[in-house]
């Protein structure tokens, strides 16, 4: 799963770099990122989050009990119902796009607003295909086929990169933004299409039928509703950030989106990978074993430690070395060094709640495996309320007393979301001593990297990143081994075995 997510995220970063080359942080970039938020909102509501939470526990439970034909029948009923609902929503979305724009980007006016409307109308059909891709992911993950389901996102990224390279040198920026939206739709079709043959092979008895009599379908729909609301609340947090950013100076929306893409790399690689892999495993254990609750608890504890080991140094890197990260990945063409500095400030704000955000995914998966979709909803409601209030204060009120320009309020948005994320994690069960060891190691690595950064002359951003971030990672890893962090020792042992040192090849 981590390999699949890594491939998808790396191609996503390449896509982001090519996009930055042509668009920078200009008006068209703001319009495209704001437009992308609307279909992504529906995709995340109906797709991977809510659908996985309700569908995978039931489907994986049937597979664990050996009821494969019934599992295929339930999968066919769910995809038929999903296709019907999403088709209606896509049609309504295309017709009501101006209303959506007023809701999600009320600060846009004139050409920026018109361009955003044009882009959204193109993007909506691709949203339906991405939701169906999430159903494929549920089937594949329940059969423990993780690579394809997460690597399929490469197709979406490649289609958009190809669109930019083909038309980037000969189209005006507004026209290129619309072309890119069509490239996104093509990528959505490819992402769905590559998964279908494997789904049909794993589920040979799959039939499309609106089976409303099945008790299993009723269970999925019943659990889907609170999961849908819970995901909606979480998505609302991101929506609020984008909405507030539209009132900030031009470039805030695209800078916020760039920073979000970078922070999603550790969230996806470590938080999503562990959480999504554990969901079918926990669901099967909870359904098939009388002692399933104890198995789930052990898997939860181990997963929390694994996530924290990798996310803490990621958060420290964003906080102390965010300009190096942003410069290496985005600084090209119209994307300048000052733009990298701007994104760094937003990344530093994101670092506040990065650990809470990733651990929260695993907690949610644990509740979903136990067929409890209501508890995550209650925590999410608290988080969104805090995000709204703190986001407004940090983005619009705080820059004045601090004597900084209004554009830096975008960093306040991510910082407020981080504070709200920690409030959601008040019942965090990781031992304080373990977390202290990780932060100590990360601070040591950051101190060494900062010294190298100051000593280096002006270099290409990618070269500077290698010379600065490489030692940072090595010092963090070495310090965590010295402090006897078991996850570091495990990784070192696995590496030695793979390399043929200290054990069999």
Protein backbone atom coordinates (compact mmCIF):
# COMPACT_ATOMS: atom_id res chain seq x y z
CA UNK A 1 0.00 0.00 0.00
CA UNK A 2 2.80 2.39 0.88
CA UNK A 3 4.44 1.70 -2.49
CA UNK A 4 1.17 2.42 -4.30
CA UNK A 5 0.58 5.64 -2.38
CA UNK A 6 4.21 6.67 -2.88
CA UNK A 7 3.92 6.24 -6.67
CA UNK A 8 0.69 8.22 -6.71
CA UNK A 9 2.03 11.01 -4.51
CA UNK A 10 5.35 11.28 -6.35
CA UNK A 11 3.58 11.69 -9.69
CA UNK A 12 1.30 14.14 -7.90
CA UNK A 13 4.30 16.20 -6.85
CA UNK A 14 5.60 16.10 -10.42
CA UNK A 15 2.17 17.28 -11.57
CA UNK A 16 2.31 20.05 -8.98
CA UNK A 17 5.76 21.13 -10.15
CA UNK A 18 4.70 21.25 -13.80
CA UNK A 19 1.58 23.18 -12.78
CA UNK A 20 3.71 25.62 -10.77
CA UNK A 21 5.97 26.13 -13.80
CA UNK A 22 3.07 27.32 -15.98
CA UNK A 23 0.77 28.98 -13.42
CA UNK A 24 2.87 30.05 -10.40
CA UNK A 25 0.58 31.56 -7.73
CA UNK A 26 -1.45 33.71 -10.13
CA UNK A 27 -5.15 34.31 -10.70
CA UNK A 28 -5.59 31.19 -12.86
CA UNK A 29 -3.91 29.00 -10.24
CA UNK A 30 -6.31 30.28 -7.58
CA UNK A 31 -9.27 29.60 -9.88
CA UNK A 32 -8.18 26.05 -10.70
CA UNK A 33 -7.47 25.03 -7.10
CA UNK A 34 -10.74 26.51 -5.85
CA UNK A 35 -12.61 24.73 -8.67
CA UNK A 36 -10.92 21.44 -7.82
CA UNK A 37 -12.14 21.74 -4.23
CA UNK A 38 -15.83 21.34 -5.21
CA UNK A 39 -15.70 17.97 -7.01
CA UNK A 40 -13.07 16.75 -4.54
CA UNK A 41 -15.52 17.56 -1.78
CA UNK A 42 -18.10 15.19 -3.30
CA UNK A 43 -15.46 12.57 -4.12
CA UNK A 44 -14.25 12.48 -0.52
CA UNK A 45 -17.79 12.44 0.83
CA UNK A 46 -19.03 9.53 -1.28
CA UNK A 47 -15.73 7.91 -2.05
CA UNK A 48 -12.86 6.57 -0.06
CA UNK A 49 -13.78 7.87 3.39
CA UNK A 50 -17.50 7.23 3.91
CA UNK A 51 -17.72 4.30 1.49
CA UNK A 52 -14.71 2.50 2.99
CA UNK A 53 -16.02 3.06 6.51
CA UNK A 54 -19.40 1.48 5.74
CA UNK A 55 -18.68 -0.97 2.90
CA UNK A 56 -15.34 -2.59 3.83
CA UNK A 57 -16.32 -3.82 7.35
CA UNK A 58 -19.37 -5.65 5.97
CA UNK A 59 -17.73 -6.90 2.76
CA UNK A 60 -14.49 -7.97 4.47
CA UNK A 61 -16.52 -9.66 7.22
CA UNK A 62 -18.39 -11.77 4.65
CA UNK A 63 -15.10 -12.74 3.00
CA UNK A 64 -13.58 -13.67 6.38
CA UNK A 65 -16.54 -16.02 7.01
CA UNK A 66 -16.15 -17.64 3.59
CA UNK A 67 -19.40 -16.18 2.15
CA UNK A 68 -17.83 -15.08 -1.14
CA UNK A 69 -20.96 -15.25 -3.32
CA UNK A 70 -22.96 -13.18 -0.86
CA UNK A 71 -20.06 -10.71 -0.65
CA UNK A 72 -20.07 -10.32 -4.46
CA UNK A 73 -23.84 -9.84 -4.47
CA UNK A 74 -23.56 -7.09 -1.86
CA UNK A 75 -20.73 -5.40 -3.80
CA UNK A 76 -22.84 -5.38 -6.98
CA UNK A 77 -25.81 -3.86 -5.16
CA UNK A 78 -23.67 -1.13 -3.61
CA UNK A 79 -22.00 -0.08 -6.88
CA UNK A 80 -25.39 0.04 -8.65
CA UNK A 81 -26.83 2.24 -5.89
CA UNK A 82 -23.70 4.39 -5.83
CA UNK A 83 -23.72 4.91 -9.61
CA UNK A 84 -27.37 6.02 -9.52
CA UNK A 85 -26.88 8.53 -6.70
CA UNK A 86 -23.64 9.95 -8.06
CA UNK A 87 -25.06 10.37 -11.59
CA UNK A 88 -27.86 12.54 -10.22
CA UNK A 89 -25.43 14.58 -8.12
CA UNK A 90 -23.07 15.17 -11.06
CA UNK A 91 -25.95 16.40 -13.21
CA UNK A 92 -27.21 18.72 -10.49
CA UNK A 93 -23.67 19.92 -9.85
CA UNK A 94 -23.08 20.89 -13.47
CA UNK A 95 -26.34 22.85 -13.57
CA UNK A 96 -25.89 24.55 -10.20
CA UNK A 97 -22.19 25.40 -10.50
CA UNK A 98 -22.61 29.19 -10.02
CA UNK A 99 -24.32 28.54 -6.69
CA UNK A 100 -21.47 26.28 -5.58
CA UNK A 101 -18.93 28.93 -6.52
CA UNK A 102 -20.70 31.51 -4.37
CA UNK A 103 -20.57 29.05 -1.48
CA UNK A 104 -16.94 27.95 -1.75
CA UNK A 105 -15.24 31.05 -3.20
CA UNK A 106 -17.32 34.09 -2.24
CA UNK A 107 -14.25 36.30 -2.44
CA UNK A 108 -13.78 35.68 -6.18
CA UNK A 109 -14.99 38.37 -8.56
CA UNK A 110 -14.95 39.05 -12.30
CA UNK A 111 -12.72 36.93 -14.52
CA UNK A 112 -11.52 34.77 -11.64
CA UNK A 113 -15.10 33.77 -10.75
CA UNK A 114 -16.07 33.10 -14.39
CA UNK A 115 -13.02 30.94 -14.98
CA UNK A 116 -13.70 28.96 -11.81
CA UNK A 117 -17.26 28.23 -12.99
CA UNK A 118 -16.01 27.00 -16.38
CA UNK A 119 -13.47 24.68 -14.74
CA UNK A 120 -15.95 23.21 -12.24
CA UNK A 121 -18.45 22.31 -14.96
CA UNK A 122 -15.77 20.34 -16.79
CA UNK A 123 -14.53 18.60 -13.64
CA UNK A 124 -17.86 17.26 -12.37
CA UNK A 125 -18.18 14.18 -14.66
CA UNK A 126 -14.73 13.05 -13.59
CA UNK A 127 -15.90 13.21 -9.98
CA UNK A 128 -18.42 10.43 -10.58
CA UNK A 129 -15.69 8.21 -12.03
CA UNK A 130 -13.44 8.84 -9.04
CA UNK A 131 -16.23 7.84 -6.66
CA UNK A 132 -16.59 4.54 -8.55
CA UNK A 133 -12.82 4.16 -8.29
CA UNK A 134 -13.23 4.35 -4.52
CA UNK A 135 -15.68 1.41 -4.70
CA UNK A 136 -13.02 -0.54 -6.63
CA UNK A 137 -10.56 0.33 -3.87
CA UNK A 138 -12.94 -1.11 -1.26
CA UNK A 139 -13.23 -4.40 -3.13
CA UNK A 140 -9.50 -4.69 -3.81
CA UNK A 141 -8.49 -3.79 -0.24
CA UNK A 142 -10.90 -6.32 1.21
CA UNK A 143 -9.11 -8.96 -0.88
CA UNK A 144 -5.78 -7.56 0.40
CA UNK A 145 -4.83 -6.20 -3.03
CA UNK A 146 -3.42 -2.82 -2.06
CA UNK A 147 -0.88 -1.86 -4.71
CA UNK A 148 -3.16 -1.28 -7.69
CA UNK A 149 -5.93 0.46 -5.78
CA UNK A 150 -3.56 3.15 -4.52
CA UNK A 151 -1.18 3.28 -7.48
CA UNK A 152 -4.11 3.85 -9.88
CA UNK A 153 -3.96 7.55 -8.98
CA UNK A 154 -0.82 7.67 -11.12
CA UNK A 155 -3.10 7.59 -14.18
CA UNK A 156 -4.89 10.75 -13.07
CA UNK A 157 -1.62 12.58 -12.47
CA UNK A 158 -0.05 11.42 -15.74
CA UNK A 159 -3.08 12.56 -17.75
CA UNK A 160 -2.84 16.06 -16.25
CA UNK A 161 0.93 16.25 -16.71
CA UNK A 162 0.53 15.25 -20.36
CA UNK A 163 -2.14 17.92 -20.83
CA UNK A 164 0.14 20.62 -19.43
CA UNK A 165 3.12 19.53 -21.54
CA UNK A 166 1.07 19.33 -24.77
CA UNK A 167 -0.81 22.61 -24.43
CA UNK A 168 1.29 24.60 -21.93
CA UNK A 169 3.47 26.34 -24.48
CA UNK A 170 0.74 27.43 -26.87
CA UNK A 171 -2.41 28.23 -24.84
CA UNK A 172 -3.19 31.28 -22.73
CA UNK A 173 -3.37 30.58 -19.00
CA UNK A 174 -7.21 30.74 -18.73
CA UNK A 175 -7.55 28.37 -21.72
CA UNK A 176 -4.85 26.09 -20.35
CA UNK A 177 -6.73 25.85 -17.04
CA UNK A 178 -9.85 24.61 -18.88
CA UNK A 179 -7.78 22.15 -20.93
CA UNK A 180 -6.28 20.87 -17.71
CA UNK A 181 -9.77 20.25 -16.33
CA UNK A 182 -10.50 18.04 -19.35
CA UNK A 183 -7.21 16.26 -18.71
CA UNK A 184 -8.44 15.59 -15.18
CA UNK A 185 -11.62 13.95 -16.52
CA UNK A 186 -9.57 11.75 -18.85
CA UNK A 187 -7.34 10.78 -15.94
CA UNK A 188 -10.39 9.89 -13.82
CA UNK A 189 -11.61 7.53 -16.56
CA UNK A 190 -8.19 5.89 -16.77
CA UNK A 191 -7.94 5.53 -12.98
CA UNK A 192 -11.30 3.74 -12.86
CA UNK A 193 -10.65 1.69 -15.99
CA UNK A 194 -7.39 0.09 -14.85
CA UNK A 195 -9.03 -1.29 -11.69
CA UNK A 196 -12.18 -2.80 -13.20
CA UNK A 197 -10.60 -5.96 -14.75
CA UNK A 198 -8.97 -6.89 -11.44
CA UNK A 199 -12.20 -6.29 -9.51
CA UNK A 200 -14.11 -8.60 -11.88
CA UNK A 201 -11.43 -11.26 -11.48
CA UNK A 202 -11.62 -11.15 -7.68
CA UNK A 203 -15.43 -10.96 -7.61
CA UNK A 204 -16.59 -13.33 -10.40
CA UNK A 205 -20.19 -13.43 -9.12
CA UNK A 206 -20.55 -9.64 -9.17
CA UNK A 207 -23.85 -8.45 -10.71
CA UNK A 208 -25.19 -4.91 -10.98
CA UNK A 209 -28.60 -4.93 -9.26
CA UNK A 210 -30.44 -2.58 -6.92
CA UNK A 211 -30.91 -5.19 -4.19
CA UNK A 212 -32.84 -3.34 -1.49
CA UNK A 213 -33.89 -6.51 0.36
CA UNK A 214 -30.42 -7.55 1.54
CA UNK A 215 -29.80 -7.03 5.25
CA UNK A 216 -26.11 -6.49 4.48
CA UNK A 217 -26.96 -3.68 2.06
CA UNK A 218 -29.20 -2.15 4.72
CA UNK A 219 -26.30 -2.30 7.20
CA UNK A 220 -23.94 -0.58 4.77
CA UNK A 221 -26.45 2.16 3.99
CA UNK A 222 -27.26 2.62 7.69
CA UNK A 223 -23.56 2.93 8.57
CA UNK A 224 -22.89 5.08 5.51
CA UNK A 225 -25.11 7.92 6.72
CA UNK A 226 -23.17 8.84 9.92
CA UNK A 227 -19.87 8.12 8.11
CA UNK A 228 -21.01 10.41 5.30
CA UNK A 229 -21.85 13.14 7.80
CA UNK A 230 -18.56 12.58 9.63
CA UNK A 231 -16.57 12.83 6.39
CA UNK A 232 -18.65 15.84 5.44
CA UNK A 233 -17.71 17.52 8.70
CA UNK A 234 -14.01 16.77 8.11
CA UNK A 235 -14.26 18.02 4.53
CA UNK A 236 -16.04 21.08 5.82
CA UNK A 237 -12.87 21.98 7.68
CA UNK A 238 -10.91 22.13 4.40
CA UNK A 239 -13.81 23.93 2.72
CA UNK A 240 -13.76 26.60 5.42
CA UNK A 241 -10.01 27.11 4.94
CA UNK A 242 -10.49 27.61 1.18
CA UNK A 243 -13.49 29.90 1.71
CA UNK A 244 -11.55 32.12 4.12
CA UNK A 245 -8.51 32.11 1.81
CA UNK A 246 -10.59 33.55 -1.05
CA UNK A 247 -10.86 36.77 0.98
CA UNK A 248 -7.08 36.99 1.40
CA UNK A 249 -4.82 38.62 -1.24
CA UNK A 250 -4.37 36.84 -4.59
CA UNK A 251 -2.19 33.74 -4.40
CA UNK A 252 -3.43 32.59 -0.98
CA UNK A 253 -5.71 29.85 -2.37
CA UNK A 254 -3.04 28.33 -4.64
CA UNK A 255 -0.34 28.62 -1.94
CA UNK A 256 -2.65 26.87 0.51
CA UNK A 257 -3.33 24.12 -2.04
CA UNK A 258 0.40 23.67 -2.72
CA UNK A 259 1.11 23.36 0.99
CA UNK A 260 -1.77 20.90 1.39
CA UNK A 261 -0.31 18.71 -1.38
CA UNK A 262 3.04 18.59 0.43
CA UNK A 263 1.53 17.79 3.83
CA UNK A 264 -0.61 15.06 2.27
CA UNK A 265 2.56 13.15 1.37
CA UNK A 266 3.33 11.99 4.94
CA UNK A 267 -0.38 11.85 5.78
CA UNK A 268 -0.97 9.48 2.87
CA UNK A 269 2.22 7.44 3.09
CA UNK A 270 2.03 6.84 6.82
CA UNK A 271 -1.42 7.77 8.12
CA UNK A 272 -3.54 6.58 5.21
CA UNK A 273 -1.37 3.57 4.38
CA UNK A 274 -1.46 2.17 7.91
CA UNK A 275 -5.12 3.11 8.54
CA UNK A 276 -6.46 1.77 5.24
CA UNK A 277 -4.44 -1.45 5.53
CA UNK A 278 -5.66 -2.00 9.09
CA UNK A 279 -9.37 -1.43 8.30
CA UNK A 280 -10.03 -4.75 6.48
CA UNK A 281 -7.68 -6.60 8.86
CA UNK A 282 -9.44 -5.18 11.94
CA UNK A 283 -12.86 -5.77 10.37
CA UNK A 284 -12.06 -9.41 9.65
CA UNK A 285 -10.70 -9.94 13.17
CA UNK A 286 -13.70 -8.28 14.79
CA UNK A 287 -16.12 -10.42 12.72
CA UNK A 288 -14.39 -13.80 12.81
CA UNK A 289 -12.84 -14.09 16.28
CA UNK A 290 -14.39 -14.09 19.74
CA UNK A 291 -11.29 -12.26 20.99
CA UNK A 292 -11.42 -9.83 18.08
CA UNK A 293 -11.56 -6.74 20.29
CA UNK A 294 -8.17 -7.59 21.80
CA UNK A 295 -6.70 -8.17 18.33
CA UNK A 296 -8.04 -4.79 17.23
CA UNK A 297 -6.52 -3.12 20.31
CA UNK A 298 -3.08 -4.63 19.66
CA UNK A 299 -3.18 -3.59 16.01
CA UNK A 300 -4.23 -0.07 17.02
CA UNK A 301 -1.35 0.35 19.48
CA UNK A 302 1.23 -0.93 16.97
CA UNK A 303 -0.20 1.27 14.21
CA UNK A 304 -0.08 4.42 16.35
CA UNK A 305 3.62 3.90 17.08
CA UNK A 306 4.46 3.24 13.42
CA UNK A 307 2.65 6.36 12.25
CA UNK A 308 4.24 8.61 14.90
CA UNK A 309 7.76 7.38 14.09
CA UNK A 310 7.52 8.68 10.53
CA UNK A 311 5.21 11.69 10.97
CA UNK A 312 7.11 13.49 13.75
CA UNK A 313 10.22 14.08 11.57
CA UNK A 314 7.94 15.11 8.69
CA UNK A 315 6.31 17.76 10.89
CA UNK A 316 9.71 19.03 12.06
CA UNK A 317 10.97 19.21 8.46
CA UNK A 318 7.96 21.34 7.46
CA UNK A 319 8.44 23.57 10.49
CA UNK A 320 12.20 24.17 10.25
CA UNK A 321 13.05 23.41 6.61
CA UNK A 322 9.81 24.08 4.74
CA UNK A 323 11.47 26.53 2.33
CA UNK A 324 13.94 23.83 1.28
CA UNK A 325 11.13 21.32 0.71
CA UNK A 326 8.95 23.78 -1.21
CA UNK A 327 11.87 25.09 -3.25
CA UNK A 328 13.01 21.62 -4.32
CA UNK A 329 9.55 20.49 -5.38
CA UNK A 330 7.88 23.65 -6.71
CA UNK A 331 10.38 26.42 -7.46
CA UNK A 332 10.45 26.62 -11.26
CA UNK A 333 9.11 28.82 -14.06
CA UNK A 334 6.61 31.32 -12.65
CA UNK A 335 7.00 29.88 -9.13
CA UNK A 336 9.66 32.06 -7.44
CA UNK A 337 11.79 31.86 -4.29
CA UNK A 338 9.42 34.25 -2.52
CA UNK A 339 6.57 31.88 -3.38
CA UNK A 340 8.54 29.07 -1.71
CA UNK A 341 8.90 31.24 1.41
CA UNK A 342 5.14 31.85 1.40
CA UNK A 343 4.37 28.13 1.12
CA UNK A 344 6.89 27.46 3.94
CA UNK A 345 4.89 29.66 6.31
CA UNK A 346 1.75 27.68 5.53
CA UNK A 347 3.63 24.38 5.90
CA UNK A 348 4.85 25.49 9.33
CA UNK A 349 1.24 26.06 10.33
CA UNK A 350 0.32 22.59 9.06
CA UNK A 351 3.12 21.05 11.15
CA UNK A 352 1.23 21.99 14.32
CA UNK A 353 -1.43 19.33 13.82
CA UNK A 354 0.21 16.89 11.41
CA UNK A 355 0.63 14.12 14.00
CA UNK A 356 -2.92 14.51 15.29
CA UNK A 357 -4.31 14.43 11.76
CA UNK A 358 -2.57 11.18 10.83
CA UNK A 359 -3.24 9.40 14.13
CA UNK A 360 -6.88 10.44 13.85
CA UNK A 361 -7.21 8.43 10.65
CA UNK A 362 -6.21 5.23 12.45
CA UNK A 363 -8.58 5.91 15.36
CA UNK A 364 -11.42 6.42 12.87
CA UNK A 365 -10.57 3.16 11.08
CA UNK A 366 -10.67 1.37 14.44
CA UNK A 367 -14.15 2.65 15.21
CA UNK A 368 -15.32 1.76 11.70
CA UNK A 369 -13.94 -1.79 12.03
CA UNK A 370 -16.09 -2.15 15.16
CA UNK A 371 -19.09 -0.86 13.17
CA UNK A 372 -19.19 2.37 15.20
CA UNK A 373 -19.50 5.31 12.80
CA UNK A 374 -21.03 7.75 15.28
CA UNK A 375 -18.13 8.32 17.70
CA UNK A 376 -15.81 9.77 15.00
CA UNK A 377 -18.65 12.09 14.01
CA UNK A 378 -18.86 13.60 17.49
CA UNK A 379 -15.13 14.33 17.57
CA UNK A 380 -15.23 15.75 14.03
CA UNK A 381 -18.00 18.21 14.99
CA UNK A 382 -15.81 19.64 17.76
CA UNK A 383 -12.89 19.90 15.36
CA UNK A 384 -14.84 21.84 12.72
CA UNK A 385 -16.31 24.26 15.26
CA UNK A 386 -12.82 25.07 16.51
CA UNK A 387 -11.41 25.29 12.98
CA UNK A 388 -14.06 27.84 12.01
CA UNK A 389 -13.60 30.12 15.01
CA UNK A 390 -9.81 29.86 15.26
CA UNK A 391 -9.36 30.03 11.48
CA UNK A 392 -11.18 33.36 11.30
CA UNK A 393 -9.21 34.78 14.25
CA UNK A 394 -5.81 33.53 13.06
CA UNK A 395 -6.32 34.52 9.40
CA UNK A 396 -7.95 37.95 9.75
CA UNK A 397 -7.44 39.26 13.27
CA UNK A 398 -3.96 38.02 14.26
CA UNK A 399 -1.85 39.54 11.40
CA UNK A 400 -2.78 43.07 12.54
CA UNK A 401 -1.47 42.85 16.14
CA UNK A 402 1.60 40.97 14.86
CA UNK A 403 2.31 43.73 12.34
CA UNK A 404 2.51 41.38 9.33
CA UNK A 405 0.89 41.55 5.88
CA UNK A 406 -2.63 40.15 5.43
CA UNK A 407 -1.41 37.45 3.01
CA UNK A 408 0.32 35.63 5.90
CA UNK A 409 -3.10 34.91 7.34
CA UNK A 410 -3.03 31.76 5.17
CA UNK A 411 -0.50 30.31 7.63
CA UNK A 412 -2.95 31.04 10.41
CA UNK A 413 -5.54 28.89 8.66
CA UNK A 414 -3.37 25.78 8.76
CA UNK A 415 -2.19 26.49 12.31
CA UNK A 416 -5.77 26.80 13.53
CA UNK A 417 -6.67 23.52 11.85
CA UNK A 418 -3.73 21.92 13.67
CA UNK A 419 -4.90 23.19 17.06
CA UNK A 420 -8.40 21.86 16.33
CA UNK A 421 -6.89 18.52 15.29
CA UNK A 422 -5.18 18.17 18.65
CA UNK A 423 -8.43 18.97 20.44
CA UNK A 424 -9.93 16.05 18.51
CA UNK A 425 -7.09 13.85 19.81
CA UNK A 426 -7.46 14.64 23.55
CA UNK A 427 -7.76 10.92 24.24
CA UNK A 428 -4.47 10.19 22.46
CA UNK A 429 -2.97 7.01 23.96
CA UNK A 430 0.63 7.17 22.75
CA UNK A 431 3.04 7.16 25.74
CA UNK A 432 4.44 10.63 26.42
CA UNK A 433 7.97 9.21 26.76
CA UNK A 434 7.79 7.69 23.27
CA UNK A 435 6.62 10.94 21.66
CA UNK A 436 9.33 12.87 23.56
CA UNK A 437 12.03 10.59 22.11
CA UNK A 438 10.74 11.18 18.58
CA UNK A 439 10.62 14.97 18.96
CA UNK A 440 14.09 14.99 20.54
CA UNK A 441 15.46 13.06 17.57
CA UNK A 442 13.67 15.35 15.11
CA UNK A 443 14.96 18.51 16.81
CA UNK A 444 18.52 17.15 16.72
CA UNK A 445 18.18 16.45 12.99
CA UNK A 446 16.68 19.89 12.36
CA UNK A 447 19.53 21.62 14.23
CA UNK A 448 22.15 19.87 12.07
CA UNK A 449 20.21 20.57 8.88
CA UNK A 450 19.73 24.24 9.81
CA UNK A 451 23.47 24.63 10.32
CA UNK A 452 24.16 23.11 6.90
CA UNK A 453 21.52 25.37 5.36
CA UNK A 454 23.20 28.49 6.73
CA UNK A 455 26.67 27.37 5.66
CA UNK A 456 25.76 26.45 2.08
CA UNK A 457 26.17 28.99 -0.72
CA UNK A 458 23.32 29.70 -3.14
CA UNK A 459 22.56 26.43 -4.97
CA UNK A 460 19.82 24.99 -7.15
CA UNK A 461 16.83 24.18 -4.88
CA UNK A 462 17.01 20.44 -5.61
CA UNK A 463 20.77 20.24 -4.87
CA UNK A 464 20.26 22.22 -1.66
CA UNK A 465 17.44 19.89 -0.61
CA UNK A 466 19.64 16.80 -1.03
CA UNK A 467 22.49 18.34 1.00
CA UNK A 468 20.17 19.60 3.77
CA UNK A 469 17.36 17.04 4.04
CA UNK A 470 19.63 14.01 3.66
CA UNK A 471 21.63 14.71 6.86
CA UNK A 472 18.39 15.67 8.60
CA UNK A 473 16.94 12.21 7.97
CA UNK A 474 20.15 10.41 8.93
CA UNK A 475 20.51 12.30 12.23
CA UNK A 476 16.84 11.69 13.12
CA UNK A 477 17.18 7.99 12.37
CA UNK A 478 20.49 7.66 14.25
CA UNK A 479 19.23 9.57 17.29
CA UNK A 480 16.05 7.48 17.48
CA UNK A 481 18.18 4.30 17.43
CA UNK A 482 20.38 5.74 20.19
CA UNK A 483 17.26 6.48 22.25
CA UNK A 484 16.15 2.85 21.77
CA UNK A 485 13.05 3.55 19.68
CA UNK A 486 11.98 0.05 18.65
CA UNK A 487 10.55 1.15 15.28
CA UNK A 488 13.94 2.60 14.28
CA UNK A 489 15.72 -0.61 15.23
CA UNK A 490 13.17 -2.63 13.27
CA UNK A 491 13.70 -0.52 10.14
CA UNK A 492 17.49 -0.76 10.52
CA UNK A 493 17.30 -4.56 10.89
CA UNK A 494 15.07 -4.88 7.85
CA UNK A 495 17.45 -2.71 5.84
CA UNK A 496 20.48 -4.78 6.87
CA UNK A 497 18.70 -7.98 5.84
CA UNK A 498 17.71 -6.52 2.48
CA UNK A 499 21.28 -5.33 1.87
CA UNK A 500 22.79 -8.61 3.02
CA UNK A 501 24.48 -7.17 6.14
CA UNK A 502 24.21 -9.12 9.37
CA UNK A 503 21.86 -11.77 8.04
CA UNK A 504 20.78 -13.87 5.08
CA UNK A 505 20.02 -12.09 1.78
